[in-house]
PDB file of N, CA and C in Angstrom:
ATOM      1  N   MET A   1      -3.910   1.655 -14.357  1.00  0.00           N
ATOM      2  CA  MET A   1      -2.818   1.779 -13.358  1.00  0.00           C
ATOM      3  C   MET A   1      -1.713   1.016 -13.640  1.00  0.00           C
ATOM      4  N   GLU A   2      -0.643   1.117 -13.317  1.00  0.00           N
ATOM      5  CA  GLU A   2       0.699  -0.163 -13.445  1.00  0.00           C
ATOM      6  C   GLU A   2       0.905  -0.845 -12.679  1.00  0.00           C
ATOM      7  N   ASN A   3      -0.043  -1.997 -13.105  1.00  0.00           N
ATOM      8  CA  ASN A   3       0.292  -3.249 -12.369  1.00  0.00           C
ATOM      9  C   ASN A   3       1.450  -3.873 -12.138  1.00  0.00           C
ATOM     10  N   LYS A   4       2.768  -3.429 -12.946  1.00  0.00           N
ATOM     11  CA  LYS A   4       3.673  -4.341 -12.955  1.00  0.00           C
ATOM     12  C   LYS A   4       4.654  -3.793 -11.929  1.00  0.00           C
ATOM     13  N   TYR A   5       4.393  -2.612 -11.263  1.00  0.00           N
ATOM     14  CA  TYR A   5       5.351  -1.846  -9.904  1.00  0.00           C
ATOM     15  C   TYR A   5       4.917  -3.001  -9.057  1.00  0.00           C
ATOM     16  N   THR A   6       6.214  -3.309  -7.906  1.00  0.00           N
ATOM     17  CA  THR A   6       5.525  -3.656  -6.594  1.00  0.00           C
ATOM     18  C   THR A   6       5.303  -2.843  -5.778  1.00  0.00           C
ATOM     19  N   TYR A   7       4.890  -3.027  -4.547  1.00  0.00           N
ATOM     20  CA  TYR A   7       4.678  -1.402  -3.482  1.00  0.00           C
ATOM     21  C   TYR A   7       5.969  -1.283  -3.354  1.00  0.00           C
ATOM     22  N   LYS A   8       6.885  -1.803  -3.322  1.00  0.00           N
ATOM     23  CA  LYS A   8       8.327  -1.426  -2.549  1.00  0.00           C
ATOM     24  C   LYS A   8       9.020  -0.459  -3.872  1.00  0.00           C
ATOM     25  N   ASP A   9       8.814  -0.707  -5.310  1.00  0.00           N
ATOM     26  CA  ASP A   9       9.063  -0.043  -6.497  1.00  0.00           C
ATOM     27  C   ASP A   9       8.749   1.092  -6.286  1.00  0.00           C
ATOM     28  N   ALA A  10       7.109   1.148  -6.168  1.00  0.00           N
ATOM     29  CA  ALA A  10       6.438   2.508  -6.256  1.00  0.00           C
ATOM     30  C   ALA A  10       6.766   3.317  -5.149  1.00  0.00           C
ATOM     31  N   PHE A  11       7.050   2.671  -4.348  1.00  0.00           N
ATOM     32  CA  PHE A  11       6.970   3.662  -2.694  1.00  0.00           C
ATOM     33  C   PHE A  11       8.369   4.354  -2.711  1.00  0.00           C
ATOM     34  N   GLU A  12       9.424   3.437  -3.555  1.00  0.00           N
ATOM     35  CA  GLU A  12      10.634   3.869  -3.489  1.00  0.00           C
ATOM     36  C   GLU A  12      10.749   5.516  -4.521  1.00  0.00           C
ATOM     37  N   GLU A  13       9.949   5.231  -5.490  1.00  0.00           N
ATOM     38  CA  GLU A  13       9.958   5.910  -6.315  1.00  0.00           C
ATOM     39  C   GLU A  13       9.523   7.273  -6.178  1.00  0.00           C
ATOM     40  N   LEU A  14       8.356   7.192  -5.139  1.00  0.00           N
ATOM     41  CA  LEU A  14       7.500   8.377  -4.780  1.00  0.00           C
ATOM     42  C   LEU A  14       8.400   9.077  -3.508  1.00  0.00           C
ATOM     43  N   GLN A  15       9.398   8.176  -2.789  1.00  0.00           N
ATOM     44  CA  GLN A  15      10.296   8.796  -1.991  1.00  0.00           C
ATOM     45  C   GLN A  15      11.224   9.792  -2.688  1.00  0.00           C
ATOM     46  N   GLU A  16      11.874   9.069  -3.929  1.00  0.00           N
ATOM     47  CA  GLU A  16      12.865   9.890  -4.491  1.00  0.00           C
ATOM     48  C   GLU A  16      12.354  11.618  -5.106  1.00  0.00           C
ATOM     49  N   ILE A  17      10.923  11.288  -5.813  1.00  0.00           N
ATOM     50  CA  ILE A  17      10.072  12.530  -5.990  1.00  0.00           C
ATOM     51  C   ILE A  17       9.941  13.440  -5.162  1.00  0.00           C
ATOM     52  N   VAL A  18       9.945  12.860  -3.747  1.00  0.00           N
ATOM     53  CA  VAL A  18       9.064  13.419  -2.645  1.00  0.00           C
ATOM     54  C   VAL A  18      10.892  14.402  -2.008  1.00  0.00           C
ATOM     55  N   SER A  19      11.036  13.679  -2.096  1.00  0.00           N
ATOM     56  CA  SER A  19      12.806  14.196  -1.751  1.00  0.00           C
ATOM     57  C   SER A  19      13.476  15.308  -2.662  1.00  0.00           C
ATOM     58  N   ALA A  20      13.218  15.033  -3.926  1.00  0.00           N
ATOM     59  CA  ALA A  20      13.666  15.796  -4.825  1.00  0.00           C
ATOM     60  C   ALA A  20      12.884  17.116  -4.761  1.00  0.00           C
ATOM     61  N   ILE A  21      11.305  17.227  -4.617  1.00  0.00           N
ATOM     62  CA  ILE A  21      10.660  18.277  -4.618  1.00  0.00           C
ATOM     63  C   ILE A  21      11.149  18.928  -3.291  1.00  0.00           C
ATOM     64  N   GLU A  22      11.505  18.627  -2.055  1.00  0.00           N
ATOM     65  CA  GLU A  22      11.626  18.957  -0.811  1.00  0.00           C
ATOM     66  C   GLU A  22      12.705  19.845  -0.987  1.00  0.00           C
ATOM     67  N   THR A  23      13.988  19.137  -1.724  1.00  0.00           N
ATOM     68  CA  THR A  23      15.416  19.995  -1.620  1.00  0.00           C
ATOM     69  C   THR A  23      15.136  21.006  -2.815  1.00  0.00           C
ATOM     70  N   GLY A  24      13.968  20.903  -4.070  1.00  0.00           N
ATOM     71  CA  GLY A  24      14.435  21.784  -4.784  1.00  0.00           C
ATOM     72  C   GLY A  24      15.091  21.587  -5.695  1.00  0.00           C
ATOM     73  N   ASP A  25      15.388  19.976  -6.366  1.00  0.00           N
ATOM     74  CA  ASP A  25      16.049  19.630  -7.254  1.00  0.00           C
ATOM     75  C   ASP A  25      15.144  19.595  -8.902  1.00  0.00           C
ATOM     76  N   ILE A  26      13.596  19.572  -8.536  1.00  0.00           N
ATOM     77  CA  ILE A  26      13.194  19.749 -10.106  1.00  0.00           C
ATOM     78  C   ILE A  26      12.871  20.687 -10.052  1.00  0.00           C
ATOM     79  N   PRO A  27      13.138  20.880 -11.455  1.00  0.00           N
ATOM     80  CA  PRO A  27      12.855  22.507 -12.283  1.00  0.00           C
ATOM     81  C   PRO A  27      11.688  22.758 -12.201  1.00  0.00           C
ATOM     82  N   VAL A  28      10.941  23.846 -11.958  1.00  0.00           N
ATOM     83  CA  VAL A  28       9.441  24.169 -12.243  1.00  0.00           C
ATOM     84  C   VAL A  28       8.577  23.714 -13.371  1.00  0.00           C
ATOM     85  N   ASP A  29       9.414  23.744 -14.430  1.00  0.00           N
ATOM     86  CA  ASP A  29       8.983  23.071 -15.529  1.00  0.00           C
ATOM     87  C   ASP A  29       8.507  21.323 -15.535  1.00  0.00           C
ATOM     88  N   GLU A  30       9.676  20.850 -14.830  1.00  0.00           N
ATOM     89  CA  GLU A  30       9.126  19.591 -14.616  1.00  0.00           C
ATOM     90  C   GLU A  30       7.971  18.981 -13.348  1.00  0.00           C
ATOM     91  N   LEU A  31       8.019  20.022 -12.620  1.00  0.00           N
ATOM     92  CA  LEU A  31       7.385  19.930 -11.198  1.00  0.00           C
ATOM     93  C   LEU A  31       5.734  19.495 -11.372  1.00  0.00           C
ATOM     94  N   THR A  32       4.990  19.715 -12.590  1.00  0.00           N
ATOM     95  CA  THR A  32       3.958  19.181 -12.875  1.00  0.00           C
ATOM     96  C   THR A  32       3.598  17.872 -13.120  1.00  0.00           C
ATOM     97  N   VAL A  33       4.643  17.423 -14.403  1.00  0.00           N
ATOM     98  CA  VAL A  33       4.961  16.190 -14.383  1.00  0.00           C
ATOM     99  C   VAL A  33       5.280  15.286 -13.272  1.00  0.00           C
ATOM    100  N   LYS A  34       6.268  15.901 -12.515  1.00  0.00           N
ATOM    101  CA  LYS A  34       6.938  14.849 -11.402  1.00  0.00           C
ATOM    102  C   LYS A  34       5.539  14.486 -10.427  1.00  0.00           C
ATOM    103  N   ILE A  35       4.527  15.520 -10.480  1.00  0.00           N
ATOM    104  CA  ILE A  35       3.599  15.641  -8.903  1.00  0.00           C
ATOM    105  C   ILE A  35       2.327  14.576  -9.534  1.00  0.00           C
ATOM    106  N   THR A  36       2.350  14.599 -11.015  1.00  0.00           N
ATOM    107  CA  THR A  36       1.431  13.696 -11.934  1.00  0.00           C
ATOM    108  C   THR A  36       1.736  12.503 -11.475  1.00  0.00           C
ATOM    109  N   ARG A  37       3.097  12.193 -11.690  1.00  0.00           N
ATOM    110  CA  ARG A  37       3.776  10.725 -11.586  1.00  0.00           C
ATOM    111  C   ARG A  37       3.796  10.531  -9.683  1.00  0.00           C
ATOM    112  N   ALA A  38       3.883  11.304  -8.916  1.00  0.00           N
ATOM    113  CA  ALA A  38       3.815  10.986  -7.763  1.00  0.00           C
ATOM    114  C   ALA A  38       2.451  10.387  -7.687  1.00  0.00           C
ATOM    115  N   SER A  39       1.242  11.217  -7.847  1.00  0.00           N
ATOM    116  CA  SER A  39      -0.162  10.466  -7.644  1.00  0.00           C
ATOM    117  C   SER A  39      -0.374   8.771  -8.489  1.00  0.00           C
ATOM    118  N   SER A  40       0.304   9.275  -9.295  1.00  0.00           N
ATOM    119  CA  SER A  40       0.020   7.711 -10.187  1.00  0.00           C
ATOM    120  C   SER A  40       0.935   6.778  -9.186  1.00  0.00           C
ATOM    121  N   LEU A  41       1.646   7.163  -8.594  1.00  0.00           N
ATOM    122  CA  LEU A  41       2.536   6.338  -7.660  1.00  0.00           C
ATOM    123  C   LEU A  41       1.636   5.826  -6.351  1.00  0.00           C
ATOM    124  N   LEU A  42       0.965   6.808  -5.784  1.00  0.00           N
ATOM    125  CA  LEU A  42       0.201   6.822  -4.786  1.00  0.00           C
ATOM    126  C   LEU A  42      -1.120   5.775  -4.836  1.00  0.00           C
ATOM    127  N   GLU A  43      -1.560   5.914  -5.809  1.00  0.00           N
ATOM    128  CA  GLU A  43      -2.895   5.390  -6.634  1.00  0.00           C
ATOM    129  C   GLU A  43      -2.210   4.052  -6.372  1.00  0.00           C
ATOM    130  N   ILE A  44      -0.928   3.322  -7.279  1.00  0.00           N
ATOM    131  CA  ILE A  44      -0.281   2.096  -6.866  1.00  0.00           C
ATOM    132  C   ILE A  44       0.035   1.312  -5.680  1.00  0.00           C
ATOM    133  N   CYS A  45       0.577   2.299  -4.624  1.00  0.00           N
ATOM    134  CA  CYS A  45       0.738   1.921  -3.569  1.00  0.00           C
ATOM    135  C   CYS A  45      -0.573   1.771  -2.547  1.00  0.00           C
ATOM    136  N   LYS A  46      -1.825   2.727  -2.930  1.00  0.00           N
ATOM    137  CA  LYS A  46      -2.978   2.205  -2.257  1.00  0.00           C
ATOM    138  C   LYS A  46      -3.498   1.178  -2.844  1.00  0.00           C
ATOM    139  N   ALA A  47      -3.884   0.871  -3.895  1.00  0.00           N
ATOM    140  CA  ALA A  47      -4.259  -0.526  -4.541  1.00  0.00           C
ATOM    141  C   ALA A  47      -3.569  -1.556  -3.791  1.00  0.00           C
ATOM    142  N   LYS A  48      -2.180  -1.663  -3.789  1.00  0.00           N
ATOM    143  CA  LYS A  48      -1.605  -2.734  -3.400  1.00  0.00           C
ATOM    144  C   LYS A  48      -1.662  -3.091  -2.096  1.00  0.00           C
ATOM    145  N   LEU A  49      -2.144  -1.854  -1.125  1.00  0.00           N
ATOM    146  CA  LEU A  49      -2.367  -1.890   0.163  1.00  0.00           C
ATOM    147  C   LEU A  49      -3.811  -2.475   0.666  1.00  0.00           C
ATOM    148  N   THR A  50      -4.505  -2.198  -0.571  1.00  0.00           N
ATOM    149  CA  THR A  50      -6.289  -2.661  -0.384  1.00  0.00           C
ATOM    150  C   THR A  50      -6.213  -4.043  -0.737  1.00  0.00           C
ATOM    151  N   ASP A  51      -5.248  -4.566  -1.813  1.00  0.00           N
ATOM    152  CA  ASP A  51      -5.228  -5.984  -2.228  1.00  0.00           C
ATOM    153  C   ASP A  51      -4.899  -6.772  -0.763  1.00  0.00           C
ATOM    154  N   SER A  52      -3.911  -6.130  -0.288  1.00  0.00           N
ATOM    155  CA  SER A  52      -3.463  -7.151   0.576  1.00  0.00           C
ATOM    156  C   SER A  52      -4.146  -7.125   2.206  1.00  0.00           C
ATOM    157  N   GLU A  53      -4.866  -5.934   2.317  1.00  0.00           N
ATOM    158  CA  GLU A  53      -5.614  -6.049   3.128  1.00  0.00           C
ATOM    159  C   GLU A  53      -7.105  -6.917   2.826  1.00  0.00           C
ATOM    160  N   ALA A  54      -7.396  -7.100   2.102  1.00  0.00           N
ATOM    161  CA  ALA A  54      -8.331  -7.868   1.690  1.00  0.00           C
ATOM    162  C   ALA A  54      -8.154  -9.434   1.604  1.00  0.00           C
ATOM    163  N   GLU A  55      -7.158 -10.067   1.026  1.00  0.00           N
ATOM    164  CA  GLU A  55      -6.243 -11.021   1.479  1.00  0.00           C
ATOM    165  C   GLU A  55      -6.140 -11.501   2.722  1.00  0.00           C
ATOM    166  N   VAL A  56      -5.708 -10.822   3.542  1.00  0.00           N
ATOM    167  CA  VAL A  56      -5.315 -10.759   5.185  1.00  0.00           C
ATOM    168  C   VAL A  56      -7.029 -11.026   5.334  1.00  0.00           C
ATOM    169  N   GLU A  57      -7.691 -10.411   5.365  1.00  0.00           N
ATOM    170  CA  GLU A  57      -9.182 -10.575   5.743  1.00  0.00           C
ATOM    171  C   GLU A  57      -9.802 -11.803   5.114  1.00  0.00           C
ATOM    172  N   LYS A  58      -9.061 -12.303   4.084  1.00  0.00           N
ATOM    173  CA  LYS A  58      -9.717 -13.649   3.504  1.00  0.00           C
ATOM    174  C   LYS A  58      -9.345 -14.569   4.746  1.00  0.00           C
ATOM    175  N   LEU A  59      -8.017 -14.631   4.650  1.00  0.00           N
ATOM    176  CA  LEU A  59      -7.338 -15.603   5.495  1.00  0.00           C
ATOM    177  C   LEU A  59      -7.645 -15.757   7.012  1.00  0.00           C
ATOM    178  N   LEU A  60      -8.255 -14.492   7.205  1.00  0.00           N
ATOM    179  CA  LEU A  60      -8.180 -14.567   8.839  1.00  0.00           C
ATOM    180  C   LEU A  60      -9.958 -15.232   9.089  1.00  0.00           C
ATOM    181  N   GLN A  61     -10.567 -15.242   7.769  1.00  0.00           N
ATOM    182  CA  GLN A  61     -12.072 -15.447   7.622  1.00  0.00           C
ATOM    183  C   GLN A  61     -11.997 -17.120   7.656  1.00  0.00           C
ATOM    184  N   LYS A  62     -11.070 -17.480   6.873  1.00  0.00           N
ATOM    185  CA  LYS A  62     -11.068 -18.905   6.603  1.00  0.00           C
ATOM    186  C   LYS A  62     -10.508 -19.536   7.714  1.00  0.00           C
ATOM    187  N   LEU A  63      -9.701 -19.220   8.491  1.00  0.00           N
ATOM    188  CA  LEU A  63      -8.941 -19.803   9.528  1.00  0.00           C
ATOM    189  C   LEU A  63     -10.338 -19.605  10.816  1.00  0.00           C
ATOM    190  N   GLU A  64     -10.948 -18.621  10.852  1.00  0.00           N
ATOM    191  CA  GLU A  64     -12.137 -18.584  11.827  1.00  0.00           C
ATOM    192  C   GLU A  64     -12.707 -19.936  11.434  1.00  0.00           C
ATOM    193  N   LYS A  65     -13.188 -19.885  10.104  1.00  0.00           N
ATOM    194  CA  LYS A  65     -14.228 -21.113   9.682  1.00  0.00           C
ATOM    195  C   LYS A  65     -13.688 -22.345  10.105  1.00  0.00           C
ATOM    196  N   GLU A  66     -12.549 -22.727   9.989  1.00  0.00           N
ATOM    197  CA  GLU A  66     -11.787 -23.885  10.393  1.00  0.00           C
ATOM    198  C   GLU A  66     -11.400 -23.941  11.613  1.00  0.00           C
ATOM    199  N   ASN A  67     -11.319 -23.225  12.654  1.00  0.00           N
ATOM    200  CA  ASN A  67     -10.859 -23.131  13.858  1.00  0.00           C
ATOM    201  C   ASN A  67     -11.965 -21.883  14.544  1.00  0.00           C
ATOM    202  N   PRO A  68     -13.245 -22.740  14.838  1.00  0.00           N
ATOM    203  CA  PRO A  68     -14.199 -21.457  15.490  1.00  0.00           C
ATOM    204  C   PRO A  68     -13.936 -21.734  17.081  1.00  0.00           C
ATOM    205  N   SER A  69     -13.940 -20.221  17.337  1.00  0.00           N
ATOM    206  CA  SER A  69     -13.438 -20.101  18.868  1.00  0.00           C
ATOM    207  C   SER A  69     -14.382 -20.831  19.806  1.00  0.00           C
ATOM    208  N   ASP A  70     -14.238 -21.272  20.574  1.00  0.00           N
ATOM    209  CA  ASP A  70     -15.104 -22.391  21.750  1.00  0.00           C
ATOM    210  C   ASP A  70     -15.419 -21.200  22.756  1.00  0.00           C
ATOM    211  N   PRO A  71     -16.602 -20.962  23.053  1.00  0.00           N
ATOM    212  CA  PRO A  71     -17.008 -19.726  24.220  1.00  0.00           C
ATOM    213  C   PRO A  71     -16.401 -20.271  25.484  1.00  0.00           C
ATOM    214  N   ALA A  72     -16.560 -21.774  25.376  1.00  0.00           N
ATOM    215  CA  ALA A  72     -16.126 -22.027  26.787  1.00  0.00           C
ATOM    216  C   ALA A  72     -14.533 -22.016  27.227  1.00  0.00           C
ATOM    217  N   ALA A  73     -14.313 -22.499  26.270  1.00  0.00           N
ATOM    218  CA  ALA A  73     -12.519 -22.051  26.690  1.00  0.00           C
ATOM    219  C   ALA A  73     -12.250 -20.743  26.753  1.00  0.00           C
ATOM    220  N   ASP A  74     -13.139 -19.841  26.393  1.00  0.00           N
ATOM    221  CA  ASP A  74     -12.928 -17.829  26.680  1.00  0.00           C
ATOM    222  C   ASP A  74     -12.783 -17.955  28.268  1.00  0.00           C
ATOM    223  N   THR A  75     -13.947 -18.783  28.688  1.00  0.00           N
ATOM    224  CA  THR A  75     -14.244 -18.234  29.954  1.00  0.00           C
ATOM    225  C   THR A  75     -13.220 -18.826  31.041  1.00  0.00           C
ATOM    226  N   GLU A  76     -12.801 -19.995  30.926  1.00  0.00           N
ATOM    227  CA  GLU A  76     -11.615 -20.881  31.585  1.00  0.00           C
ATOM    228  C   GLU A  76     -10.186 -20.516  31.604  1.00  0.00           C
ATOM    229  N   ALA A  77      -9.992 -20.102  33.091  1.00  0.00           N
ATOM    230  CA  ALA A  77      -8.478 -19.882  33.110  1.00  0.00           C
ATOM    231  C   ALA A  77      -7.692 -19.936  34.124  1.00  0.00           C
TER     232      ALA A  77
END
């Protein structure tokens, strides 16, 4: 997998490929290559999203440990 890509770069290239396929701008001879590339770009995007989700989860767990909820505060209003 190509880790040099940012999510934005991979997603933009993927959008270009999809658009070209939808409009018929890709010759049939290149279609397989473009679909293979699109698959790789999808994997890059998925990996970036998974990594981001894991980082957010870690941060949320850290915040919860630093500031545990006070059950009594939840019932007071």
